[in-house]
């Protein structure tokens, strides 16, 4: 039989879905991760925004169009938040964000298979997303995820090292719901990775994680990718307080300066919310002005989405047209900062890992997260020295110097 494991949401969800796929294959089931015909579907859902929840619920009708008789199993944050809405849609089984094993067990019981414990993820791409922890204790006022994922739990270093050793992927991305809270300090893990002969990239970080101790540890890695996704959310101190973020604008910029001191070519990427409930026009202008001050390479911009059950849900939301207009301005600023960062490296040589074919080009990423397009069929997973020659599509066109 064939099962599709389809994922919405974050890289942690992707890593967990890859583990589900590996478990199904151990049970003799053919798997895929793209929507198409299958005998059964496992849908790993997201609830970070209302739109994500809506898409999660719509997935059931989408997969039924491929095979109306297929069994549908649902897990993830959206089903953790509202199991009944999925049960009412007649699915075979529902589990929450912390119950992925229950979905595997339910799948096995449905088809009289021998259930297996969730193994290491089945890695199908050039980048392996390795989950190092789960949960979050921060309780930002706008975020529902701590209520769905639970308290912070870190994986042992030894288990992480075994998973990394078991993958053939040339790049490892350390991810989790809040990797900045890794038990014992994130540097205890990065110290242990010093002998790993793969490109190491970090997932999303909080300001608290950026210390001289961590940055020095990263310099000792054999192939560290100097991209730091340092969550900002707002450039206004007043909004940061309302969001229950535990840093100021000034402290954030100090952390950026520390990063550049150790890694002058670093890409600092971030998230910024437009139109938080308490945000004034002046607050929003502070978010725009910090973009150049921090020298961001890329921004994930989105409009504030009130989540029932969070502290910010009780605040009066801004009018939709105000949020939309601010998001438009933020997206325009995000495009400009990406172009400025990419332009800085034109004429230089950098190493990429080839990832995929895009039309007549092979696409991949530099260590500092510039999307690169080269002509010719480069081998996925292989490293190439390329020269960046001009801005192109969402990144840079390059010529292969290898």
Protein backbone atom coordinates (compact mmCIF):
# COMPACT_ATOMS: atom_id res chain seq x y z
CA UNK A 1 0.00 0.00 0.00
CA UNK A 2 1.00 3.63 -0.42
CA UNK A 3 0.69 6.40 2.16
CA UNK A 4 1.34 10.13 1.76
CA UNK A 5 2.64 12.03 4.78
CA UNK A 6 1.88 15.69 4.09
CA UNK A 7 3.17 18.52 6.26
CA UNK A 8 2.13 22.07 7.00
CA UNK A 9 4.13 24.43 9.19
CA UNK A 10 7.59 24.51 10.65
CA UNK A 11 10.77 22.53 10.12
CA UNK A 12 10.12 20.63 13.35
CA UNK A 13 6.92 19.32 11.77
CA UNK A 14 8.93 18.34 8.68
CA UNK A 15 11.44 16.43 10.79
CA UNK A 16 8.67 14.63 12.67
CA UNK A 17 6.86 13.79 9.43
CA UNK A 18 10.12 12.34 8.09
CA UNK A 19 10.26 10.09 11.17
CA UNK A 20 6.68 8.98 10.54
CA UNK A 21 7.62 8.13 6.95
CA UNK A 22 10.60 6.10 8.16
CA UNK A 23 8.35 4.20 10.59
CA UNK A 24 5.82 3.40 7.86
CA UNK A 25 8.54 2.14 5.55
CA UNK A 26 9.83 -0.13 8.31
CA UNK A 27 6.31 -1.57 8.37
CA UNK A 28 6.49 -2.23 4.61
CA UNK A 29 4.45 0.78 3.45
CA UNK A 30 5.47 2.80 0.39
CA UNK A 31 5.54 6.51 1.30
CA UNK A 32 5.63 9.93 -0.32
CA UNK A 33 5.42 13.52 0.89
CA UNK A 34 3.64 15.19 -2.03
CA UNK A 35 -0.13 15.32 -2.49
CA UNK A 36 -1.32 12.72 -4.98
CA UNK A 37 -3.12 9.40 -5.08
CA UNK A 38 -2.58 7.18 -2.03
CA UNK A 39 -4.38 4.51 -0.04
CA UNK A 40 -3.97 6.53 3.15
CA UNK A 41 -2.90 10.02 4.20
CA UNK A 42 -1.22 11.25 7.36
CA UNK A 43 -1.66 15.01 7.69
CA UNK A 44 0.73 16.84 10.03
CA UNK A 45 -0.99 20.14 10.77
CA UNK A 46 -0.08 23.65 11.91
CA UNK A 47 -1.80 26.22 14.14
CA UNK A 48 0.65 29.10 14.27
CA UNK A 49 -1.93 31.37 12.57
CA UNK A 50 -5.66 31.20 11.88
CA UNK A 51 -4.84 30.77 8.20
CA UNK A 52 -2.63 27.77 8.99
CA UNK A 53 -5.47 26.19 10.97
CA UNK A 54 -7.89 26.79 8.11
CA UNK A 55 -5.52 25.18 5.62
CA UNK A 56 -5.06 22.25 7.99
CA UNK A 57 -8.79 21.56 8.04
CA UNK A 58 -9.06 22.00 4.27
CA UNK A 59 -6.42 19.33 3.71
CA UNK A 60 -8.94 16.61 4.43
CA UNK A 61 -11.19 17.55 1.50
CA UNK A 62 -8.10 18.09 -0.69
CA UNK A 63 -6.76 14.58 -0.19
CA UNK A 64 -10.21 13.03 -0.56
CA UNK A 65 -10.27 14.37 -4.13
CA UNK A 66 -7.33 12.11 -4.94
CA UNK A 67 -8.96 9.05 -3.34
CA UNK A 68 -12.40 9.38 -1.72
CA UNK A 69 -12.02 5.94 -0.13
CA UNK A 70 -8.68 6.69 1.53
CA UNK A 71 -8.24 6.69 5.29
CA UNK A 72 -7.04 9.99 6.72
CA UNK A 73 -4.98 10.29 9.89
CA UNK A 74 -4.34 13.71 11.47
CA UNK A 75 -1.71 14.91 13.91
CA UNK A 76 0.10 18.14 14.77
CA UNK A 77 -0.62 21.49 16.36
CA UNK A 78 -4.00 22.18 14.73
CA UNK A 79 -5.39 18.85 15.92
CA UNK A 80 -3.83 19.42 19.36
CA UNK A 81 -5.74 22.70 19.55
CA UNK A 82 -9.08 21.39 18.29
CA UNK A 83 -9.36 17.62 17.95
CA UNK A 84 -13.13 17.69 17.61
CA UNK A 85 -13.08 19.74 14.40
CA UNK A 86 -11.09 16.93 12.75
CA UNK A 87 -13.04 14.08 14.36
CA UNK A 88 -16.21 15.66 12.96
CA UNK A 89 -14.75 15.30 9.47
CA UNK A 90 -14.72 11.53 9.77
CA UNK A 91 -10.98 10.87 9.88
CA UNK A 92 -9.60 7.48 10.90
CA UNK A 93 -7.61 8.80 13.87
CA UNK A 94 -6.55 12.10 15.43
CA UNK A 95 -3.52 12.81 17.61
CA UNK A 96 -1.97 16.02 18.90
CA UNK A 97 1.37 17.73 18.49
CA UNK A 98 3.02 15.59 21.16
CA UNK A 99 1.40 12.30 20.11
CA UNK A 100 2.99 11.39 16.77
CA UNK A 101 3.64 7.84 17.99
CA UNK A 102 -0.12 7.41 18.52
CA UNK A 103 -0.69 8.06 14.81
CA UNK A 104 1.84 5.36 13.89
CA UNK A 105 0.14 2.95 16.30
CA UNK A 106 -3.32 3.82 14.92
CA UNK A 107 -2.09 3.34 11.35
CA UNK A 108 -0.62 -0.06 12.23
CA UNK A 109 -3.79 -1.17 13.98
CA UNK A 110 -5.94 -0.09 11.03
CA UNK A 111 -4.01 -2.26 8.57
CA UNK A 112 -2.91 -5.11 10.90
CA UNK A 113 0.75 -4.12 10.72
CA UNK A 114 3.40 -4.41 13.40
CA UNK A 115 3.84 -0.93 14.82
CA UNK A 116 7.35 0.41 15.22
CA UNK A 117 8.72 3.19 17.39
CA UNK A 118 9.48 6.45 15.55
CA UNK A 119 12.96 6.03 14.07
CA UNK A 120 15.34 8.70 12.85
CA UNK A 121 13.77 10.73 10.01
CA UNK A 122 13.85 9.54 6.43
CA UNK A 123 15.98 12.23 4.82
CA UNK A 124 15.03 12.92 1.20
CA UNK A 125 16.80 16.24 0.58
CA UNK A 126 20.31 17.65 0.77
CA UNK A 127 19.57 19.33 4.12
CA UNK A 128 18.73 17.15 7.12
CA UNK A 129 16.57 18.87 9.72
CA UNK A 130 17.64 17.37 13.04
CA UNK A 131 15.28 18.08 15.92
CA UNK A 132 17.28 18.76 19.08
CA UNK A 133 14.48 19.82 21.42
CA UNK A 134 10.73 20.36 21.69
CA UNK A 135 8.47 22.74 23.58
CA UNK A 136 8.77 26.36 24.70
CA UNK A 137 8.58 28.05 28.09
CA UNK A 138 8.61 31.65 26.81
CA UNK A 139 4.86 32.28 26.42
CA UNK A 140 5.08 35.29 24.14
CA UNK A 141 1.72 37.02 24.36
CA UNK A 142 0.79 36.33 20.71
CA UNK A 143 1.94 32.72 20.44
CA UNK A 144 -0.22 29.62 20.89
CA UNK A 145 2.60 27.10 20.37
CA UNK A 146 3.72 26.71 24.04
CA UNK A 147 0.18 25.64 24.90
CA UNK A 148 0.22 23.01 22.15
CA UNK A 149 3.82 21.76 22.26
CA UNK A 150 4.23 21.85 26.03
CA UNK A 151 7.28 22.49 28.18
CA UNK A 152 10.83 22.42 26.91
CA UNK A 153 12.53 19.04 26.56
CA UNK A 154 16.01 18.56 25.06
CA UNK A 155 17.38 15.47 23.33
CA UNK A 156 20.62 13.98 24.66
CA UNK A 157 23.76 15.01 22.77
CA UNK A 158 24.66 11.37 22.12
CA UNK A 159 21.33 10.65 20.42
CA UNK A 160 21.68 13.73 18.20
CA UNK A 161 25.20 12.67 17.19
CA UNK A 162 23.93 9.19 16.28
CA UNK A 163 21.22 10.67 14.05
CA UNK A 164 23.71 12.95 12.32
CA UNK A 165 26.10 10.04 11.75
CA UNK A 166 23.25 8.01 10.21
CA UNK A 167 22.42 10.55 7.49
CA UNK A 168 24.18 11.02 4.17
CA UNK A 169 22.98 14.63 3.84
CA UNK A 170 25.86 17.12 3.42
CA UNK A 171 24.11 19.78 5.53
CA UNK A 172 22.61 19.50 9.00
CA UNK A 173 20.12 22.05 10.34
CA UNK A 174 19.71 21.94 14.12
CA UNK A 175 16.09 22.81 14.83
CA UNK A 176 13.41 22.70 17.47
CA UNK A 177 10.63 24.83 18.86
CA UNK A 178 13.14 26.88 20.92
CA UNK A 179 16.70 25.62 20.41
CA UNK A 180 18.01 28.61 22.39
CA UNK A 181 16.83 26.81 25.52
CA UNK A 182 18.81 23.63 24.78
CA UNK A 183 19.61 22.09 28.17
CA UNK A 184 23.07 22.97 29.37
CA UNK A 185 23.43 25.67 26.72
CA UNK A 186 23.44 25.30 22.95
CA UNK A 187 27.24 25.48 22.99
CA UNK A 188 27.38 22.10 24.80
CA UNK A 189 25.94 20.60 21.63
CA UNK A 190 27.97 22.65 19.15
CA UNK A 191 31.16 21.75 21.04
CA UNK A 192 30.28 18.09 20.52
CA UNK A 193 29.86 18.70 16.77
CA UNK A 194 33.42 19.97 16.27
CA UNK A 195 34.51 16.74 14.55
CA UNK A 196 31.45 16.47 12.26
CA UNK A 197 32.46 16.80 8.62
CA UNK A 198 29.18 18.31 7.39
CA UNK A 199 27.88 21.83 6.99
CA UNK A 200 26.13 22.78 10.25
CA UNK A 201 23.36 25.39 10.24
CA UNK A 202 21.31 26.60 13.20
CA UNK A 203 17.55 27.02 13.31
CA UNK A 204 15.73 29.98 14.82
CA UNK A 205 17.42 31.62 17.82
CA UNK A 206 16.47 33.99 20.61
CA UNK A 207 18.71 36.85 21.71
CA UNK A 208 19.54 35.02 24.93
CA UNK A 209 21.41 32.34 22.98
CA UNK A 210 23.93 34.74 21.43
CA UNK A 211 26.95 34.73 23.71
CA UNK A 212 30.70 34.87 23.19
CA UNK A 213 30.81 31.28 24.40
CA UNK A 214 28.44 30.08 21.66
CA UNK A 215 29.98 32.18 18.91
CA UNK A 216 33.47 30.96 19.79
CA UNK A 217 32.20 27.37 19.72
CA UNK A 218 30.75 27.90 16.25
CA UNK A 219 34.11 29.13 14.91
CA UNK A 220 35.57 25.72 15.78
CA UNK A 221 33.12 23.76 13.61
CA UNK A 222 34.62 22.31 10.42
CA UNK A 223 31.95 23.83 8.17
CA UNK A 224 29.64 26.23 9.98
CA UNK A 225 27.00 28.07 7.94
CA UNK A 226 27.05 31.64 9.28
CA UNK A 227 23.34 32.28 9.04
CA UNK A 228 21.62 33.36 12.25
CA UNK A 229 17.84 33.46 12.25
CA UNK A 230 17.48 35.82 15.19
CA UNK A 231 13.82 36.35 16.02
CA UNK A 232 12.91 40.05 16.35
CA UNK A 233 9.11 40.41 15.89
CA UNK A 234 9.17 44.20 16.42
CA UNK A 235 11.65 47.08 16.44
CA UNK A 236 9.63 48.94 19.07
CA UNK A 237 10.44 48.50 22.77
CA UNK A 238 6.82 49.22 23.70
CA UNK A 239 5.55 46.47 21.39
CA UNK A 240 8.27 44.07 22.54
CA UNK A 241 7.05 44.54 26.12
CA UNK A 242 3.46 43.93 25.07
CA UNK A 243 4.60 40.80 23.23
CA UNK A 244 6.39 39.56 26.37
CA UNK A 245 9.69 39.43 24.47
CA UNK A 246 12.62 39.52 26.88
CA UNK A 247 14.97 42.00 25.20
CA UNK A 248 15.00 45.57 23.94
CA UNK A 249 15.72 46.96 20.51
CA UNK A 250 19.12 48.11 21.78
CA UNK A 251 19.98 44.67 23.18
CA UNK A 252 18.96 43.05 19.91
CA UNK A 253 21.28 45.30 17.92
CA UNK A 254 24.10 44.52 20.37
CA UNK A 255 23.62 40.81 19.63
CA UNK A 256 23.80 41.52 15.89
CA UNK A 257 27.07 43.39 16.44
CA UNK A 258 28.48 40.42 18.38
CA UNK A 259 27.60 38.08 15.50
CA UNK A 260 29.30 40.32 12.93
CA UNK A 261 32.40 40.52 15.14
CA UNK A 262 32.86 36.74 14.85
CA UNK A 263 31.36 36.27 11.37
CA UNK A 264 31.66 39.43 9.21
CA UNK A 265 29.87 37.76 6.26
CA UNK A 266 27.03 36.42 8.38
CA UNK A 267 23.43 36.52 7.18
CA UNK A 268 21.12 37.62 9.97
CA UNK A 269 17.58 36.68 9.06
CA UNK A 270 14.52 37.39 11.17
CA UNK A 271 10.74 37.45 11.68
CA UNK A 272 8.79 40.70 11.98
CA UNK A 273 5.08 41.00 12.74
CA UNK A 274 3.18 43.88 11.16
CA UNK A 275 0.16 45.29 12.95
CA UNK A 276 0.41 43.82 16.46
CA UNK A 277 -2.63 44.89 18.48
CA UNK A 278 -0.84 47.67 20.41
CA UNK A 279 1.34 48.85 17.51
CA UNK A 280 1.17 52.54 16.65
CA UNK A 281 2.47 54.06 13.43
CA UNK A 282 5.56 55.20 15.35
CA UNK A 283 6.08 51.64 16.62
CA UNK A 284 5.85 50.33 13.09
CA UNK A 285 8.33 52.93 11.82
CA UNK A 286 10.74 51.62 14.46
CA UNK A 287 10.39 48.16 12.93
CA UNK A 288 11.21 49.59 9.49
CA UNK A 289 14.22 51.56 10.72
CA UNK A 290 15.86 48.63 12.51
CA UNK A 291 16.08 46.72 9.20
CA UNK A 292 19.04 48.73 7.93
CA UNK A 293 20.58 49.07 11.39
CA UNK A 294 20.69 45.28 11.82
CA UNK A 295 21.69 44.66 8.20
CA UNK A 296 19.21 41.85 7.70
CA UNK A 297 19.73 39.44 4.85
CA UNK A 298 16.16 38.20 4.76
CA UNK A 299 12.92 38.90 6.63
CA UNK A 300 9.93 36.66 7.19
CA UNK A 301 7.15 39.24 7.37
CA UNK A 302 3.56 38.54 8.32
CA UNK A 303 0.53 40.29 9.74
CA UNK A 304 -0.55 39.79 13.35
CA UNK A 305 -3.06 36.97 13.74
CA UNK A 306 -4.90 36.88 17.12
CA UNK A 307 -4.85 33.36 18.59
CA UNK A 308 -7.57 32.40 21.05
CA UNK A 309 -6.04 31.29 24.33
CA UNK A 310 -3.13 33.74 24.24
CA UNK A 311 -2.77 36.94 26.26
CA UNK A 312 -2.79 39.10 23.12
CA UNK A 313 -6.17 37.69 22.07
CA UNK A 314 -7.77 39.92 24.72
CA UNK A 315 -6.36 43.07 23.10
CA UNK A 316 -8.31 45.10 20.57
CA UNK A 317 -7.09 44.11 17.13
CA UNK A 318 -6.12 46.75 14.58
CA UNK A 319 -8.35 47.25 11.51
CA UNK A 320 -7.54 44.77 8.71
CA UNK A 321 -6.71 47.55 6.26
CA UNK A 322 -4.11 48.99 8.64
CA UNK A 323 -2.45 45.60 9.10
CA UNK A 324 -2.54 44.97 5.36
CA UNK A 325 -1.00 48.35 4.51
CA UNK A 326 1.79 47.91 7.06
CA UNK A 327 2.50 44.39 5.85
CA UNK A 328 2.79 45.69 2.29
CA UNK A 329 5.36 48.28 3.38
CA UNK A 330 7.23 45.70 5.41
CA UNK A 331 7.38 43.25 2.51
CA UNK A 332 8.72 46.02 0.26
CA UNK A 333 11.43 46.79 2.82
CA UNK A 334 12.19 43.07 3.13
CA UNK A 335 12.76 42.77 -0.61
CA UNK A 336 15.08 45.77 -0.56
CA UNK A 337 17.18 44.43 2.32
CA UNK A 338 17.60 41.03 0.63
CA UNK A 339 18.72 42.71 -2.59
CA UNK A 340 21.18 44.89 -0.67
CA UNK A 341 22.66 41.89 1.17
CA UNK A 342 22.98 39.79 -1.98
CA UNK A 343 24.54 42.68 -3.92
CA UNK A 344 27.27 42.96 -1.33
CA UNK A 345 28.70 39.61 -2.42
CA UNK A 346 28.60 40.06 -6.19
CA UNK A 347 32.00 39.40 -7.72
CA UNK A 348 33.05 37.11 -4.88
CA UNK A 349 33.44 33.33 -4.78
CA UNK A 350 31.52 31.19 -2.33
CA UNK A 351 30.79 27.52 -1.83
CA UNK A 352 27.31 26.17 -2.47
CA UNK A 353 25.67 22.80 -1.99
CA UNK A 354 23.63 22.00 -5.10
CA UNK A 355 20.04 21.18 -4.13
CA UNK A 356 17.57 21.08 -7.00
CA UNK A 357 16.95 21.73 -10.69
CA UNK A 358 14.92 24.86 -11.49
CA UNK A 359 14.28 25.05 -15.22
CA UNK A 360 17.66 25.36 -16.93
CA UNK A 361 19.45 26.06 -13.66
CA UNK A 362 20.72 24.22 -10.62
CA UNK A 363 19.85 25.99 -7.38
CA UNK A 364 21.54 25.80 -4.01
CA UNK A 365 22.57 27.95 -1.05
CA UNK A 366 25.81 29.48 0.08
CA UNK A 367 26.87 29.02 3.67
CA UNK A 368 25.44 32.48 4.44
CA UNK A 369 22.10 31.59 2.87
CA UNK A 370 22.21 33.31 -0.50
CA UNK A 371 20.04 31.47 -3.01
CA UNK A 372 22.28 30.75 -5.99
CA UNK A 373 21.40 29.68 -9.54
CA UNK A 374 24.00 28.16 -11.85
CA UNK A 375 23.60 26.95 -15.43
CA UNK A 376 24.26 23.29 -16.07
CA UNK A 377 23.29 20.12 -14.29
CA UNK A 378 25.23 20.07 -11.05
CA UNK A 379 24.94 17.00 -8.84
CA UNK A 380 22.55 17.46 -5.91
CA UNK A 381 24.34 17.16 -2.60
CA UNK A 382 27.75 18.05 -4.01
CA UNK A 383 29.73 21.16 -3.06
CA UNK A 384 30.82 23.63 -5.74
CA UNK A 385 32.91 26.79 -5.72
CA UNK A 386 30.98 29.44 -7.65
CA UNK A 387 31.40 33.10 -8.53
CA UNK A 388 28.39 35.33 -7.86
CA UNK A 389 27.88 37.57 -10.90
CA UNK A 390 24.47 39.30 -10.79
CA UNK A 391 21.12 39.48 -9.02
CA UNK A 392 18.73 36.88 -10.40
CA UNK A 393 15.22 35.69 -9.46
CA UNK A 394 15.11 35.52 -5.63
CA UNK A 395 18.88 35.32 -5.31
CA UNK A 396 22.01 35.49 -7.41
CA UNK A 397 23.23 34.03 -10.72
CA UNK A 398 26.64 32.37 -10.48
CA UNK A 399 29.17 30.54 -12.64
CA UNK A 400 30.72 27.27 -11.56
CA UNK A 401 34.41 27.73 -10.73
CA UNK A 402 35.01 24.07 -9.88
